[in-house]
Amino acid sequence: MLSLRLVRRFGTGSRHLAAAKGAIVPSGAGNTSNKAFVSKTKHVKVEEPALFRLKKEKNPEKLFQLFKENAHNKIVIENRYAFEDTISRLAGAGRFDYIENLLEHQKTLPQGRREGFIIRIIMLYGKAGMIQNAIKTFYDMHLYGCPRTVKSFNAALKVLTQSHDLEAIESFLWDVPERFFINIDILSVNTVIRSFCKMGILEKGYLFMVEMEKLGITPDVFTYTILISAFYKANQWQISDGLWNLMVRKGCMPNVATFNVRIQFMVNMGFAWEANKLLQLMKRIGITPDEATYNLVIKGFFLTDNLPMAKRIYSAFHGAGLQPNSRIYQTMIHYLSKAGEFDLAYSMCKDSMKNNWFPSSDIIKMILEGLCKDGTEDRMGKARFLVILAKKKIPPFSADILNMMRSVTTRS
């Protein structure tokens, strides 16, 4: 078992409108004066708002220049989507020099004194894969008069975990809080544990949880869920079950995500009935199953060739007042088609397409072939209607795929 190094205790104006000249018009002169004013008014071309221009601009250099021109425009800077979208597109174009230029400039502006804004800069650097820039931004916060708290620490830590550099992560975790008098919290712990699990060092993640609990940071449901999921994926179900029992014994109740992790494992192992028992348990203890829960159990019964139970769970899903999402449609349509239930598959496929959720072309072809097999007019009509719906897909199916679908419905 991997060991964890000794961990140090961490330190512990409303705007005023000017009055218009000549607003008071002498009696009897109103109509003539107004007509003269209207006749002399020139049509001025209104410039398109910066947000729309940013969204439409495709050229990376012009996008950079446009954003730079609006560096002081609060409507642009405070719009999270516009900021993230611009950085994302520049990263996609490989223009990391532009990203650095824009973000470094933003730090020098008044908003650079707000920790929330600097956190956004750190996360944007992280999304662009510029990890060193993100960490440097955290270290340099005092240069812009911006205070550091555990919030900015957690942001920098999260970005650093993208590197999967164990030594760098541990060094940052152990040295920075003491240096800047920051008390780490459970979010810090969960970030590190998730990172360890992604790197495949699950034992280290568990031991870190234990050490942090000794220092007074109590694991929460997210801590346990991260570890339970990781050990299940590693097929170490005994440890996952032990963690589940430990969590409950310490008074930390599982949530929907925790149950879904365990149900997923049961489905993967072919234990559909056990997965269903967990779903029923959730209802009894007051935890409402979500779409993912039902989808997993439905899939579990399909995989064990229990079509009636899969349909029954789907009916219960509807009875709970939930609406199918793309994953549930995908599961039902796929397995109903494989089972030869083409009329029901058609009905769900039709509803799915109307919601702009389109199955793969192979599944649609399977349904079309099943409907056209007996050649009845009713089923042929259903097949032709599916082809009409398939034409509305955005982005569209290729011309070859659409021709293939049409050819199925025209066969004698």
Foldseek 3Di string as FASTA:
>chain_A
DDDDPDADAFLQDPDDDDDDPPPDDDPPCVVVVVVVVVVPDDDDDDDDDLLVVLVPDLDLVVNLVSCVVCLVPCVQLVPLCSVLVNLLSCLVVVNVVSLCVSLVVNCQDPCVQELVSLLSSLLSCLVSVNLVVSVVSLVCSVVSNHADELSSLLSNLLSVLVVLPVVVSVCSVRPVSRVRSYNHAQSSLLSVLLSCLVNVNLVNNVVSQVSVVVSPHHHALSSLQSSLLSCLVVVVNVVSVVSQVVCVVVPHHHAQSSLLSVLLSCLVVLNLVVLVVSQVVCVVVPHHHDLSSLLSSLLSCLVVVNNVVSVVSVVVCVVVVDDHDLSSLQSCLVSCLVVLVLVVSLVSQVVCLVVLRHHDLVSLQSSLLSLPVVPDPVSLVSLVVSLVSQCPHVVHDDPVSSVVSVVSSPDD
